[in-house]
């Protein structure tokens, strides 16, 4: 069985898509070939998934139609696959499998895709409340009853690649590493304040930890704000890697973490897939749809009456769901997850 996956456009969604790949292997056997057509940025994620045979680079940006390019890619893929499974719900995502003439083209009913898809599913949101359930269900026949426990994403790290990244950035692993992920592509309504992150960093550095900050180039300034709030002597125990690493390097370096604190973001899902002890901070969004999928997770949120609102900006202008969430809540969650790795195991 050879399956082409049309992959999603976001880091977290791509990580969670691994649950679908695991279900395809379960249904069709270990020899099932799974290729993923997705933006080039996703290659480091897909290359760390053992279920994926090949990551195929899709050259068009998010939202670009360009029917001629989609037809050309489809013709190049013609005759190679038994089934295509589409994770995006857009019409344009259905064009490549259609032009490729793939016999079975599976996806949820979306933007008028009748004719482009010939295995159209009608989503029952009550039956499949989680995004991973909506992904996994596409691996099976309509109406299939998913069984728990569900597979979890699990990214595999090459030690040599990890060690090279550590060396490249001049990092040391002589102390516990607290990774902070203070950014979120969604917007301010997902971002726990920089002063709260700084308070967590201050406390852990005082207890002998070091702090690494991750994110995109857009997140570099907030990383600097966090570091600037640390007094001299503590600031030197932190490093702002946001925008400095490739995604591949960020994944490899994050695997070194003793613990991670993150907003609801793509990197949150990466940390979960690396099975790092994780504190996930939620404000305007909810863990009920896309929770981090790992064993060692603490979700911290206030659950105000106005949240989750899923707005990019607070309609009331106060962002209290995040601003009123005190650093102590996160520090207590960290203590429950990992305690103090530097504590004497044989106290007097």
Protein backbone atom coordinates (compact mmCIF):
# COMPACT_ATOMS: atom_id res chain seq x y z
CA UNK A 1 0.00 0.00 0.00
CA UNK A 2 1.39 3.39 -1.04
CA UNK A 3 -0.20 6.48 0.48
CA UNK A 4 0.40 10.15 -0.30
CA UNK A 5 -0.40 12.53 2.56
CA UNK A 6 -1.14 16.17 1.81
CA UNK A 7 0.32 17.67 4.95
CA UNK A 8 -0.81 20.61 7.06
CA UNK A 9 0.82 24.03 7.10
CA UNK A 10 1.57 24.43 10.81
CA UNK A 11 4.28 22.92 13.01
CA UNK A 12 1.93 21.60 15.70
CA UNK A 13 -0.46 20.07 13.17
CA UNK A 14 2.43 18.34 11.40
CA UNK A 15 3.62 16.83 14.68
CA UNK A 16 0.12 15.60 15.50
CA UNK A 17 -0.23 14.12 12.00
CA UNK A 18 2.15 11.38 13.11
CA UNK A 19 -0.82 9.74 14.82
CA UNK A 20 -2.38 9.23 11.35
CA UNK A 21 0.84 7.72 10.04
CA UNK A 22 0.90 5.26 12.94
CA UNK A 23 -2.70 4.25 12.19
CA UNK A 24 -1.88 3.65 8.53
CA UNK A 25 0.94 1.32 9.58
CA UNK A 26 -1.47 -0.42 11.93
CA UNK A 27 -4.06 -0.94 9.21
CA UNK A 28 -1.87 -1.77 6.23
CA UNK A 29 1.21 -3.25 7.87
CA UNK A 30 4.79 -2.15 8.38
CA UNK A 31 5.45 -2.21 4.61
CA UNK A 32 2.94 0.56 3.97
CA UNK A 33 4.76 3.41 2.19
CA UNK A 34 3.84 6.85 3.50
CA UNK A 35 5.07 9.91 1.61
CA UNK A 36 4.13 13.41 2.76
CA UNK A 37 3.77 16.36 0.40
CA UNK A 38 4.26 19.46 2.54
CA UNK A 39 6.14 22.76 2.73
CA UNK A 40 9.93 22.42 2.83
CA UNK A 41 10.12 23.81 6.37
CA UNK A 42 8.44 20.63 7.63
CA UNK A 43 11.21 18.31 6.40
CA UNK A 44 13.09 18.25 9.75
CA UNK A 45 9.91 17.09 11.50
CA UNK A 46 9.08 14.44 8.91
CA UNK A 47 12.65 13.13 8.79
CA UNK A 48 12.40 12.42 12.52
CA UNK A 49 9.26 10.30 12.09
CA UNK A 50 10.10 6.64 11.44
CA UNK A 51 6.73 6.03 9.78
CA UNK A 52 7.45 8.45 6.91
CA UNK A 53 9.20 7.02 3.87
CA UNK A 54 9.78 10.31 2.08
CA UNK A 55 9.17 14.01 2.61
CA UNK A 56 8.20 15.67 -0.69
CA UNK A 57 8.73 19.42 -0.83
CA UNK A 58 5.72 21.46 -1.92
CA UNK A 59 6.96 24.74 -3.44
CA UNK A 60 3.89 26.96 -3.09
CA UNK A 61 3.31 29.15 -0.06
CA UNK A 62 0.25 29.01 2.16
CA UNK A 63 -2.80 30.34 0.30
CA UNK A 64 -1.20 30.36 -3.18
CA UNK A 65 -3.41 28.73 -5.85
CA UNK A 66 -1.14 28.47 -8.96
CA UNK A 67 -3.09 25.72 -10.72
CA UNK A 68 -0.35 25.18 -13.33
CA UNK A 69 2.24 24.27 -10.69
CA UNK A 70 -0.21 22.00 -8.90
CA UNK A 71 -1.00 20.24 -12.19
CA UNK A 72 2.71 19.78 -12.94
CA UNK A 73 3.35 18.26 -9.48
CA UNK A 74 0.33 16.02 -9.88
CA UNK A 75 1.55 14.69 -13.23
CA UNK A 76 4.97 13.99 -11.68
CA UNK A 77 3.31 11.89 -8.97
CA UNK A 78 0.98 10.03 -11.36
CA UNK A 79 0.96 6.25 -10.99
CA UNK A 80 2.87 6.18 -7.71
CA UNK A 81 0.13 5.93 -5.07
CA UNK A 82 -2.92 3.86 -4.19
CA UNK A 83 -4.48 6.50 -1.96
CA UNK A 84 -4.14 10.18 -1.10
CA UNK A 85 -5.22 11.50 2.30
CA UNK A 86 -5.72 15.23 2.65
CA UNK A 87 -5.32 16.87 6.05
CA UNK A 88 -6.13 20.47 5.00
CA UNK A 89 -9.79 21.16 4.22
CA UNK A 90 -9.13 23.61 1.38
CA UNK A 91 -10.12 23.10 -2.23
CA UNK A 92 -6.64 23.79 -3.56
CA UNK A 93 -5.13 21.06 -1.38
CA UNK A 94 -7.21 18.53 -3.37
CA UNK A 95 -5.82 19.55 -6.76
CA UNK A 96 -2.49 17.67 -6.76
CA UNK A 97 -4.03 14.25 -5.91
CA UNK A 98 -6.71 14.87 -8.54
CA UNK A 99 -4.18 15.79 -11.23
CA UNK A 100 -2.10 12.75 -10.18
CA UNK A 101 -5.09 10.49 -10.87
CA UNK A 102 -4.74 8.73 -7.51
CA UNK A 103 -7.50 6.12 -7.33
CA UNK A 104 -8.73 6.86 -3.80
CA UNK A 105 -8.68 10.49 -2.64
CA UNK A 106 -9.77 10.79 0.98
CA UNK A 107 -10.57 13.83 3.11
CA UNK A 108 -13.18 15.60 5.16
CA UNK A 109 -15.82 17.57 3.34
CA UNK A 110 -14.42 21.08 2.98
CA UNK A 111 -14.41 23.84 0.37
CA UNK A 112 -16.58 22.37 -2.39
CA UNK A 113 -14.24 19.46 -3.13
CA UNK A 114 -16.86 17.24 -4.78
CA UNK A 115 -15.29 15.61 -7.81
CA UNK A 116 -11.78 16.36 -6.65
CA UNK A 117 -12.21 13.87 -3.79
CA UNK A 118 -13.98 10.56 -4.26
CA UNK A 119 -13.85 9.44 -0.62
CA UNK A 120 -15.46 12.40 1.13
CA UNK A 121 -16.09 12.06 4.84
CA UNK A 122 -18.64 14.09 6.82
CA UNK A 123 -17.15 15.16 10.13
CA UNK A 124 -19.03 14.44 13.34
CA UNK A 125 -17.34 16.84 15.75
CA UNK A 126 -18.97 15.22 18.76
CA UNK A 127 -17.59 11.83 17.79
CA UNK A 128 -14.12 13.20 17.01
CA UNK A 129 -13.55 16.19 19.31
CA UNK A 130 -9.75 16.00 19.14
CA UNK A 131 -7.76 17.02 16.09
CA UNK A 132 -5.77 13.78 16.23
CA UNK A 133 -9.02 11.81 16.12
CA UNK A 134 -9.96 13.66 12.93
CA UNK A 135 -6.56 12.79 11.49
CA UNK A 136 -6.59 9.14 12.61
CA UNK A 137 -10.13 8.46 11.38
CA UNK A 138 -8.98 9.08 7.80
CA UNK A 139 -6.76 5.99 8.00
CA UNK A 140 -9.80 3.72 8.30
CA UNK A 141 -13.15 3.10 6.68
CA UNK A 142 -15.97 5.57 7.45
CA UNK A 143 -17.54 4.93 10.82
CA UNK A 144 -14.54 3.04 12.20
CA UNK A 145 -14.45 3.08 16.00
CA UNK A 146 -11.10 4.42 17.16
CA UNK A 147 -9.67 2.52 20.10
CA UNK A 148 -7.61 3.85 22.97
CA UNK A 149 -4.87 4.25 23.92
CA UNK A 150 -4.17 6.47 20.93
CA UNK A 151 -0.71 6.57 19.39
CA UNK A 152 1.39 9.55 20.39
CA UNK A 153 3.82 11.53 18.28
CA UNK A 154 7.42 10.53 18.89
CA UNK A 155 10.30 12.28 17.14
CA UNK A 156 13.55 10.33 16.89
CA UNK A 157 16.80 12.20 17.48
CA UNK A 158 20.15 11.31 15.96
CA UNK A 159 22.74 11.75 18.76
CA UNK A 160 25.42 12.91 16.31
CA UNK A 161 23.12 15.60 14.91
CA UNK A 162 22.18 16.71 18.43
CA UNK A 163 25.81 16.86 19.56
CA UNK A 164 26.75 18.89 16.49
CA UNK A 165 24.05 21.45 17.32
CA UNK A 166 25.22 21.67 20.93
CA UNK A 167 28.77 22.28 19.73
CA UNK A 168 27.78 24.79 17.07
CA UNK A 169 26.09 27.09 19.58
CA UNK A 170 28.73 26.63 22.26
CA UNK A 171 26.30 25.11 24.73
CA UNK A 172 27.11 23.00 27.78
CA UNK A 173 25.12 20.17 29.30
CA UNK A 174 26.72 20.34 32.74
CA UNK A 175 23.54 21.71 34.37
CA UNK A 176 19.80 21.05 33.96
CA UNK A 177 18.36 22.87 30.94
CA UNK A 178 15.08 24.77 31.18
CA UNK A 179 13.74 25.48 27.69
CA UNK A 180 11.36 28.42 27.34
CA UNK A 181 9.16 28.89 24.26
CA UNK A 182 7.60 32.35 24.77
CA UNK A 183 6.33 32.91 21.22
CA UNK A 184 3.16 31.93 19.38
CA UNK A 185 2.35 32.50 15.71
CA UNK A 186 -1.34 32.86 16.62
CA UNK A 187 -0.77 36.20 18.35
CA UNK A 188 -0.64 37.97 21.69
CA UNK A 189 -3.65 36.10 23.10
CA UNK A 190 -1.49 32.97 23.31
CA UNK A 191 1.61 34.64 24.78
CA UNK A 192 2.24 34.45 28.51
CA UNK A 193 3.89 37.78 29.50
CA UNK A 194 7.66 38.06 29.22
CA UNK A 195 7.93 39.20 32.85
CA UNK A 196 6.34 35.93 33.98
CA UNK A 197 8.76 33.91 31.89
CA UNK A 198 11.60 35.96 33.36
CA UNK A 199 10.40 35.21 36.90
CA UNK A 200 10.46 31.48 36.15
CA UNK A 201 13.92 31.76 34.57
CA UNK A 202 15.21 33.75 37.56
CA UNK A 203 14.03 31.14 40.04
CA UNK A 204 15.43 28.16 38.16
CA UNK A 205 18.79 29.82 37.45
CA UNK A 206 19.13 30.60 41.17
CA UNK A 207 18.69 26.88 41.78
CA UNK A 208 21.50 25.94 39.41
CA UNK A 209 19.68 25.57 36.09
CA UNK A 210 20.49 27.18 32.75
CA UNK A 211 17.85 28.60 30.39
CA UNK A 212 17.60 28.24 26.61
CA UNK A 213 14.97 30.26 24.70
CA UNK A 214 13.53 29.01 21.40
CA UNK A 215 11.28 30.41 18.71
CA UNK A 216 11.27 32.09 15.32
CA UNK A 217 13.01 35.31 14.33
CA UNK A 218 9.84 37.17 15.37
CA UNK A 219 10.28 35.74 18.87
CA UNK A 220 13.87 36.91 19.30
CA UNK A 221 12.86 40.33 20.75
CA UNK A 222 10.67 38.76 23.45
CA UNK A 223 13.55 36.43 24.27
CA UNK A 224 15.74 39.48 24.78
CA UNK A 225 13.07 41.09 26.96
CA UNK A 226 13.13 38.02 29.17
CA UNK A 227 16.92 38.05 29.43
CA UNK A 228 17.03 41.79 30.14
CA UNK A 229 14.82 41.25 33.17
CA UNK A 230 17.44 38.94 34.66
CA UNK A 231 20.03 40.66 36.79
CA UNK A 232 23.71 40.47 35.77
CA UNK A 233 25.17 37.21 36.98
CA UNK A 234 21.94 35.38 36.19
CA UNK A 235 21.51 36.72 32.67
CA UNK A 236 24.72 35.00 31.61
CA UNK A 237 23.13 31.64 32.43
CA UNK A 238 20.59 32.12 29.64
CA UNK A 239 20.89 32.06 25.86
CA UNK A 240 18.42 33.37 23.31
CA UNK A 241 18.33 30.91 20.40
CA UNK A 242 15.06 32.22 18.91
CA UNK A 243 15.65 32.88 15.23
CA UNK A 244 19.24 31.66 15.46
CA UNK A 245 18.65 27.95 14.91
CA UNK A 246 17.13 26.04 12.05
CA UNK A 247 14.03 24.03 12.93
CA UNK A 248 16.15 20.88 12.79
CA UNK A 249 18.62 22.33 15.29
CA UNK A 250 15.82 23.56 17.55
CA UNK A 251 14.31 20.06 17.67
CA UNK A 252 17.65 18.42 18.39
CA UNK A 253 18.57 20.95 21.07
CA UNK A 254 15.15 20.77 22.69
CA UNK A 255 15.72 17.05 23.19
CA UNK A 256 18.40 18.04 25.73
CA UNK A 257 15.87 19.82 27.96
CA UNK A 258 15.33 18.78 31.56
CA UNK A 259 12.00 20.62 31.34
CA UNK A 260 10.11 22.91 28.94
CA UNK A 261 7.71 25.79 29.55
CA UNK A 262 5.74 26.81 26.47
CA UNK A 263 2.74 28.71 25.25
CA UNK A 264 0.18 26.81 23.17
CA UNK A 265 2.36 26.69 20.07
CA UNK A 266 4.02 24.41 17.56
CA UNK A 267 7.09 24.08 19.76
CA UNK A 268 4.83 22.88 22.58
CA UNK A 269 3.89 19.91 20.40
CA UNK A 270 7.54 19.35 19.48
CA UNK A 271 8.47 19.21 23.17
CA UNK A 272 5.68 16.71 23.81
CA UNK A 273 6.80 14.56 20.86
CA UNK A 274 10.31 14.56 22.35
CA UNK A 275 8.81 13.36 25.65
CA UNK A 276 10.30 16.26 27.59
CA UNK A 277 8.66 17.22 30.90
CA UNK A 278 6.39 20.03 29.75
CA UNK A 279 4.40 22.83 31.35
CA UNK A 280 1.93 24.17 28.77
CA UNK A 281 0.44 27.61 29.43
CA UNK A 282 -3.03 28.23 27.98
CA UNK A 283 -4.90 31.53 27.77
CA UNK A 284 -7.32 32.27 24.93
CA UNK A 285 -7.24 28.70 23.62
CA UNK A 286 -8.16 25.34 25.08
CA UNK A 287 -6.35 22.01 25.50
CA UNK A 288 -9.61 20.23 24.68
CA UNK A 289 -8.89 20.22 20.90
CA UNK A 290 -5.10 20.08 20.51
CA UNK A 291 -3.53 19.12 23.83
CA UNK A 292 0.15 18.21 24.08
CA UNK A 293 0.34 14.45 23.65
CA UNK A 294 2.81 13.11 26.20
CA UNK A 295 2.93 11.52 29.62
CA UNK A 296 4.92 14.20 31.47
CA UNK A 297 2.66 17.21 30.95
CA UNK A 298 1.15 19.80 33.28
CA UNK A 299 -1.41 22.16 31.74
CA UNK A 300 -1.69 25.52 33.50
CA UNK A 301 -4.62 27.83 32.82
CA UNK A 302 -6.99 30.09 34.75
CA UNK A 303 -10.22 29.13 32.98
CA UNK A 304 -11.80 32.58 33.24
CA UNK A 305 -15.41 33.04 32.20
CA UNK A 306 -14.27 34.79 29.01
CA UNK A 307 -11.91 32.01 27.97
CA UNK A 308 -11.36 30.16 25.79
CA UNK A 309 -12.36 32.79 23.25
CA UNK A 310 -9.93 31.72 20.48
CA UNK A 311 -9.45 35.39 19.54
CA UNK A 312 -6.05 36.62 18.36
CA UNK A 313 -6.46 39.79 20.40
CA UNK A 314 -8.37 40.19 23.64
CA UNK A 315 -11.78 41.73 22.94
CA UNK A 316 -11.61 43.40 26.38
CA UNK A 317 -8.00 44.53 26.01
CA UNK A 318 -6.82 43.08 29.33
CA UNK A 319 -5.49 39.58 28.50
CA UNK A 320 -6.22 38.61 32.09
CA UNK A 321 -6.32 34.92 31.19
CA UNK A 322 -2.54 35.18 30.81
CA UNK A 323 -1.50 38.24 32.81
CA UNK A 324 -3.19 36.99 35.99
CA UNK A 325 -1.62 33.55 35.67
CA UNK A 326 1.20 33.91 38.21
CA UNK A 327 4.69 32.42 37.72
CA UNK A 328 4.26 30.41 40.92
CA UNK A 329 1.66 28.26 39.18
CA UNK A 330 4.23 27.28 36.56
CA UNK A 331 7.02 26.83 39.08
CA UNK A 332 4.82 24.54 41.16
CA UNK A 333 4.00 22.53 38.02
CA UNK A 334 7.70 22.21 37.23
CA UNK A 335 8.35 20.96 40.75
CA UNK A 336 5.66 18.31 40.35
CA UNK A 337 7.15 17.18 37.05
CA UNK A 338 10.88 17.17 37.75
CA UNK A 339 11.48 18.34 41.32
CA UNK A 340 15.04 19.56 41.85
CA UNK A 341 17.56 17.52 39.79
CA UNK A 342 20.39 19.11 41.74
CA UNK A 343 19.07 18.16 45.17
CA UNK A 344 21.29 15.85 47.22
CA UNK A 345 19.75 12.36 46.94
CA UNK A 346 21.35 11.45 50.28
CA UNK A 347 20.73 14.42 52.60
CA UNK A 348 22.30 14.46 56.03
